[in-house]
N, C-alpha and C. Protein backbone atom coordinates (compact mmCIF):
# COMPACT_ATOMS: atom_id res chain seq x y z
N UNK A 1 62.42 113.06 6.53
CA UNK A 1 61.96 112.71 5.51
C UNK A 1 63.86 112.25 4.85
N UNK A 2 63.62 110.40 4.17
CA UNK A 2 64.59 110.25 3.65
C UNK A 2 65.29 110.92 2.07
N UNK A 3 67.06 111.28 2.78
CA UNK A 3 67.54 111.76 1.71
C UNK A 3 67.52 111.33 -0.23
N UNK A 4 66.79 109.97 0.34
CA UNK A 4 67.05 110.12 -1.35
C UNK A 4 66.01 109.62 -1.90
N UNK A 5 64.86 109.73 -1.16
CA UNK A 5 63.51 110.24 -1.94
C UNK A 5 63.36 111.70 -2.44
N UNK A 6 62.45 111.94 -3.52
CA UNK A 6 62.19 112.70 -4.69
C UNK A 6 60.43 113.44 -4.26
N UNK A 7 60.17 114.77 -3.71
CA UNK A 7 59.19 114.82 -3.49
C UNK A 7 58.89 116.09 -4.48
N UNK A 8 57.72 115.96 -4.67
CA UNK A 8 57.06 117.26 -5.75
C UNK A 8 56.10 118.04 -5.26
N UNK A 9 55.89 119.25 -5.67
CA UNK A 9 55.01 120.36 -4.55
C UNK A 9 53.25 120.26 -5.26
N UNK A 10 53.49 118.87 -6.55
CA UNK A 10 51.76 118.96 -6.15
C UNK A 10 51.57 117.65 -6.83
N UNK A 11 51.33 117.32 -6.34
CA UNK A 11 50.95 115.58 -6.38
C UNK A 11 49.46 114.97 -5.76
N UNK A 12 48.85 114.64 -6.47
CA UNK A 12 47.56 114.51 -5.66
C UNK A 12 47.02 113.12 -5.61
N UNK A 13 46.52 112.68 -5.20
CA UNK A 13 45.70 111.44 -5.63
C UNK A 13 44.33 111.17 -5.33
N UNK A 14 43.33 110.30 -5.72
CA UNK A 14 42.26 109.70 -5.14
C UNK A 14 41.75 108.78 -6.23
N UNK A 15 40.61 108.05 -5.03
CA UNK A 15 39.61 107.30 -5.86
C UNK A 15 38.20 107.43 -6.83
N UNK A 16 38.31 107.11 -7.48
CA UNK A 16 37.06 107.74 -8.34
C UNK A 16 36.35 106.49 -8.32
N UNK A 17 34.54 107.08 -9.09
CA UNK A 17 33.66 105.47 -9.20
C UNK A 17 32.59 106.04 -10.53
N UNK A 18 32.98 105.20 -11.14
CA UNK A 18 32.29 105.75 -12.64
C UNK A 18 30.93 105.06 -13.44
N UNK A 19 30.18 105.35 -12.55
CA UNK A 19 28.50 104.46 -13.25
C UNK A 19 29.07 104.14 -14.94
N UNK A 20 28.13 103.11 -14.52
CA UNK A 20 28.07 102.86 -16.39
C UNK A 20 27.49 103.93 -17.26
N UNK A 21 28.83 103.60 -18.93
CA UNK A 21 29.19 103.89 -19.39
C UNK A 21 29.06 106.09 -19.32
N UNK A 22 29.12 106.07 -18.18
CA UNK A 22 29.95 107.84 -17.88
C UNK A 22 31.43 108.35 -18.01
N UNK A 23 31.54 109.31 -18.63
CA UNK A 23 33.25 109.38 -18.49
C UNK A 23 33.52 110.65 -18.37
N UNK A 24 35.14 110.94 -17.68
CA UNK A 24 35.39 111.51 -17.08
C UNK A 24 36.25 112.85 -17.07
N UNK A 25 35.73 114.17 -17.54
CA UNK A 25 36.88 115.00 -18.66
C UNK A 25 36.84 116.09 -18.00
N UNK A 26 38.02 117.10 -18.65
CA UNK A 26 37.61 118.38 -18.97
C UNK A 26 37.31 119.06 -19.21
N UNK A 27 36.25 119.62 -19.48
CA UNK A 27 35.74 121.04 -21.08
C UNK A 27 36.24 122.36 -20.68
N UNK A 28 36.78 122.97 -22.04
CA UNK A 28 37.70 123.71 -22.10
C UNK A 28 38.55 124.34 -20.79
N UNK A 29 39.04 123.28 -19.85
CA UNK A 29 40.60 124.01 -18.91
C UNK A 29 41.45 123.10 -19.89
N UNK A 30 42.44 123.85 -19.50
CA UNK A 30 43.57 123.06 -19.78
C UNK A 30 43.80 121.55 -18.84
N UNK A 31 44.34 120.95 -19.06
CA UNK A 31 44.32 119.55 -19.02
C UNK A 31 44.96 119.67 -17.37
N UNK A 32 46.41 119.15 -17.44
CA UNK A 32 47.06 119.16 -16.73
C UNK A 32 48.52 120.78 -16.60
N UNK A 33 49.39 120.78 -15.83
CA UNK A 33 50.61 121.22 -16.40
C UNK A 33 52.15 120.83 -16.89
N UNK A 34 52.73 121.16 -17.94
CA UNK A 34 53.35 120.80 -18.37
C UNK A 34 53.61 119.81 -17.94
N UNK A 35 54.48 118.63 -18.38
CA UNK A 35 55.42 117.57 -17.17
C UNK A 35 54.82 116.71 -16.36
N UNK A 36 53.29 116.94 -16.47
CA UNK A 36 52.53 115.71 -15.56
C UNK A 36 51.96 114.80 -15.79
N UNK A 37 52.63 113.78 -15.26
CA UNK A 37 52.08 112.36 -15.26
C UNK A 37 51.15 112.17 -14.15
N UNK A 38 50.24 110.99 -14.90
CA UNK A 38 49.30 110.35 -13.83
C UNK A 38 49.64 108.81 -14.38
N UNK A 39 48.73 107.94 -12.61
CA UNK A 39 48.80 106.58 -12.52
C UNK A 39 47.66 106.67 -12.49
N UNK A 40 46.23 105.23 -13.72
CA UNK A 40 45.46 105.02 -12.70
C UNK A 40 45.33 103.75 -12.35
N UNK A 41 45.48 102.42 -11.45
CA UNK A 41 45.02 101.71 -11.52
C UNK A 41 43.54 101.27 -11.20
N UNK A 42 42.67 99.84 -12.06
CA UNK A 42 41.30 99.99 -11.50
C UNK A 42 41.70 99.05 -10.84
N UNK A 43 40.41 98.82 -9.73
CA UNK A 43 40.16 98.29 -8.79
C UNK A 43 38.84 97.31 -9.07
N UNK A 44 37.76 98.13 -9.77
CA UNK A 44 37.00 97.15 -10.09
C UNK A 44 36.00 97.25 -11.02
N UNK A 45 35.97 96.75 -12.00
CA UNK A 45 35.03 97.02 -13.59
C UNK A 45 36.24 97.04 -14.76
N UNK A 46 36.05 97.88 -15.42
CA UNK A 46 36.56 98.25 -17.20
C UNK A 46 36.78 99.86 -16.59
N UNK A 47 38.13 99.96 -17.08
CA UNK A 47 38.13 101.87 -17.23
C UNK A 47 38.81 101.75 -19.54
N UNK A 48 38.41 103.11 -19.51
CA UNK A 48 38.71 102.83 -20.85
C UNK A 48 39.64 104.44 -20.79
N UNK A 49 41.01 104.86 -21.12
CA UNK A 49 42.13 106.17 -21.46
C UNK A 49 41.88 106.28 -22.44
N UNK A 50 41.40 107.53 -22.67
CA UNK A 50 41.81 107.65 -24.43
C UNK A 50 42.71 109.35 -24.24
N UNK A 51 43.96 108.63 -24.48
CA UNK A 51 44.69 109.60 -24.39
C UNK A 51 45.64 110.43 -25.77
N UNK A 52 45.54 112.09 -26.09
CA UNK A 52 46.46 111.81 -27.47
C UNK A 52 45.03 111.55 -28.44
N UNK A 53 44.09 111.42 -28.10
CA UNK A 53 43.32 110.49 -29.50
C UNK A 53 43.52 108.80 -29.59
N UNK A 54 43.91 108.10 -28.93
CA UNK A 54 44.50 106.53 -28.42
C UNK A 54 44.11 106.60 -27.25
N UNK A 55 42.97 105.48 -27.97
CA UNK A 55 41.90 104.62 -26.66
C UNK A 55 42.96 102.88 -26.39
N UNK A 56 43.24 103.31 -24.41
CA UNK A 56 43.39 102.21 -23.49
C UNK A 56 42.38 101.33 -22.55
N UNK A 57 42.23 99.97 -23.47
CA UNK A 57 41.15 99.95 -22.59
C UNK A 57 42.02 98.92 -21.46
N UNK A 58 40.87 99.20 -20.33
CA UNK A 58 41.96 98.14 -18.51
C UNK A 58 40.98 97.71 -18.22
N UNK A 59 40.84 95.97 -17.56
CA UNK A 59 40.55 95.52 -16.99
C UNK A 59 40.61 96.16 -15.24
N UNK A 60 40.01 95.52 -14.55
CA UNK A 60 40.42 95.13 -13.50
C UNK A 60 41.48 94.56 -12.91
N UNK A 61 42.25 95.21 -12.29
CA UNK A 61 44.36 95.07 -11.94
C UNK A 61 45.23 95.45 -13.00
N UNK A 62 44.31 96.05 -14.06
CA UNK A 62 45.10 97.03 -15.07
C UNK A 62 45.15 98.24 -14.31
N UNK A 63 46.74 98.69 -14.51
CA UNK A 63 47.36 100.47 -14.31
C UNK A 63 48.52 100.84 -15.51
N UNK A 64 48.37 101.89 -16.18
CA UNK A 64 48.29 102.38 -17.31
C UNK A 64 49.06 104.34 -16.15
N UNK A 65 50.33 104.37 -17.12
CA UNK A 65 50.39 106.07 -16.66
C UNK A 65 50.79 106.40 -17.83
N UNK A 66 50.26 107.96 -17.70
CA UNK A 66 50.15 108.39 -19.01
C UNK A 66 51.43 110.22 -18.38
N UNK A 67 51.43 110.81 -20.20
CA UNK A 67 51.44 112.05 -20.30
C UNK A 67 50.47 112.79 -20.02
N UNK A 68 50.07 113.59 -18.39
CA UNK A 68 48.61 113.96 -18.62
C UNK A 68 48.57 115.52 -18.87
N UNK A 69 49.63 116.57 -19.18
CA UNK A 69 49.49 117.15 -19.40
C UNK A 69 48.76 116.90 -21.21
N UNK A 70 48.42 115.97 -21.63
CA UNK A 70 47.52 115.45 -23.01
C UNK A 70 46.55 116.03 -22.55
N UNK A 71 45.94 115.95 -24.16
CA UNK A 71 44.25 115.38 -24.01
C UNK A 71 44.22 114.43 -23.51
N UNK A 72 42.68 113.95 -22.73
CA UNK A 72 42.79 112.87 -22.22
C UNK A 72 41.89 112.41 -21.88
N UNK A 73 40.69 111.58 -21.61
CA UNK A 73 39.58 111.79 -20.50
C UNK A 73 39.53 109.80 -20.74
N UNK A 74 39.01 109.74 -18.50
CA UNK A 74 38.97 108.81 -18.97
C UNK A 74 37.08 108.12 -18.86
N UNK A 75 36.84 106.90 -19.05
CA UNK A 75 35.70 106.28 -19.65
C UNK A 75 35.20 104.96 -18.68
N UNK A 76 34.07 104.60 -18.80
CA UNK A 76 33.55 103.03 -18.50
C UNK A 76 32.69 102.65 -19.10
N UNK A 77 33.16 102.23 -20.14
CA UNK A 77 32.40 101.21 -21.04
C UNK A 77 32.25 99.94 -21.06
N UNK A 78 32.26 99.22 -20.01
CA UNK A 78 31.38 98.24 -18.99
C UNK A 78 29.72 98.10 -18.61
N UNK A 79 29.67 97.00 -18.31
CA UNK A 79 28.46 96.75 -17.83
C UNK A 79 28.79 96.97 -15.88
N UNK A 80 28.13 98.37 -15.04
CA UNK A 80 27.84 98.45 -14.04
C UNK A 80 29.14 99.04 -13.32
N UNK A 81 29.32 99.51 -12.56
CA UNK A 81 30.05 100.45 -11.85
C UNK A 81 32.21 100.40 -12.34
N UNK A 82 32.37 100.97 -12.36
CA UNK A 82 34.02 101.23 -12.17
C UNK A 82 33.99 101.37 -11.40
N UNK A 83 35.91 101.42 -11.03
CA UNK A 83 36.38 102.29 -9.81
C UNK A 83 38.14 102.22 -9.98
N UNK A 84 38.69 103.31 -9.69
CA UNK A 84 40.01 103.15 -9.53
C UNK A 84 40.84 104.32 -8.70
N UNK A 85 41.89 103.97 -8.42
CA UNK A 85 43.08 104.80 -7.30
C UNK A 85 43.72 105.73 -9.37
N UNK A 86 43.82 107.36 -8.83
CA UNK A 86 44.00 107.85 -9.78
C UNK A 86 45.63 109.20 -8.53
N UNK A 87 46.70 108.77 -8.99
CA UNK A 87 47.72 110.06 -9.09
C UNK A 87 48.12 110.53 -9.87
N UNK A 88 48.66 112.02 -9.48
CA UNK A 88 49.08 112.76 -10.33
C UNK A 88 49.83 113.78 -10.01
N UNK A 89 51.16 114.21 -10.67
CA UNK A 89 52.46 114.47 -9.92
C UNK A 89 53.08 115.43 -11.31
N UNK A 90 52.65 116.87 -10.81
CA UNK A 90 52.42 117.80 -11.80
C UNK A 90 54.25 117.95 -11.69
N UNK A 91 54.23 118.62 -13.28
CA UNK A 91 55.80 119.44 -13.59
C UNK A 91 56.99 117.92 -13.28
N UNK A 92 56.40 116.48 -13.94
CA UNK A 92 57.82 115.73 -13.72
C UNK A 92 58.51 115.90 -15.54
N UNK A 93 59.33 115.74 -15.63
CA UNK A 93 59.85 115.12 -16.58
C UNK A 93 59.87 114.29 -17.43
N UNK A 94 58.85 114.12 -18.63
CA UNK A 94 58.85 113.07 -19.74
C UNK A 94 60.23 112.23 -19.76
N UNK A 95 59.57 110.41 -19.38
CA UNK A 95 60.61 109.66 -20.36
C UNK A 95 61.09 109.94 -21.15
């Protein structure tokens, strides 16, 4: 591995699909480890991120990075399926 790259012990990535009107959230569980950051890239449809009580609407092709140790959920406010790629890295410091 090149010396100029930084690695993090807990990095996860995945593709998610949300049917029309559904939302993705954890109930009664810790969100993520303190200092965690998450990036979501919308590849199809529309997505709404609600983070720390503030809603952010995203269209196809949009991306967002946020502090994922704050209360948050993702939902599909549009018609049809929404699809997005999510990458979460634990333990990063906030910028």
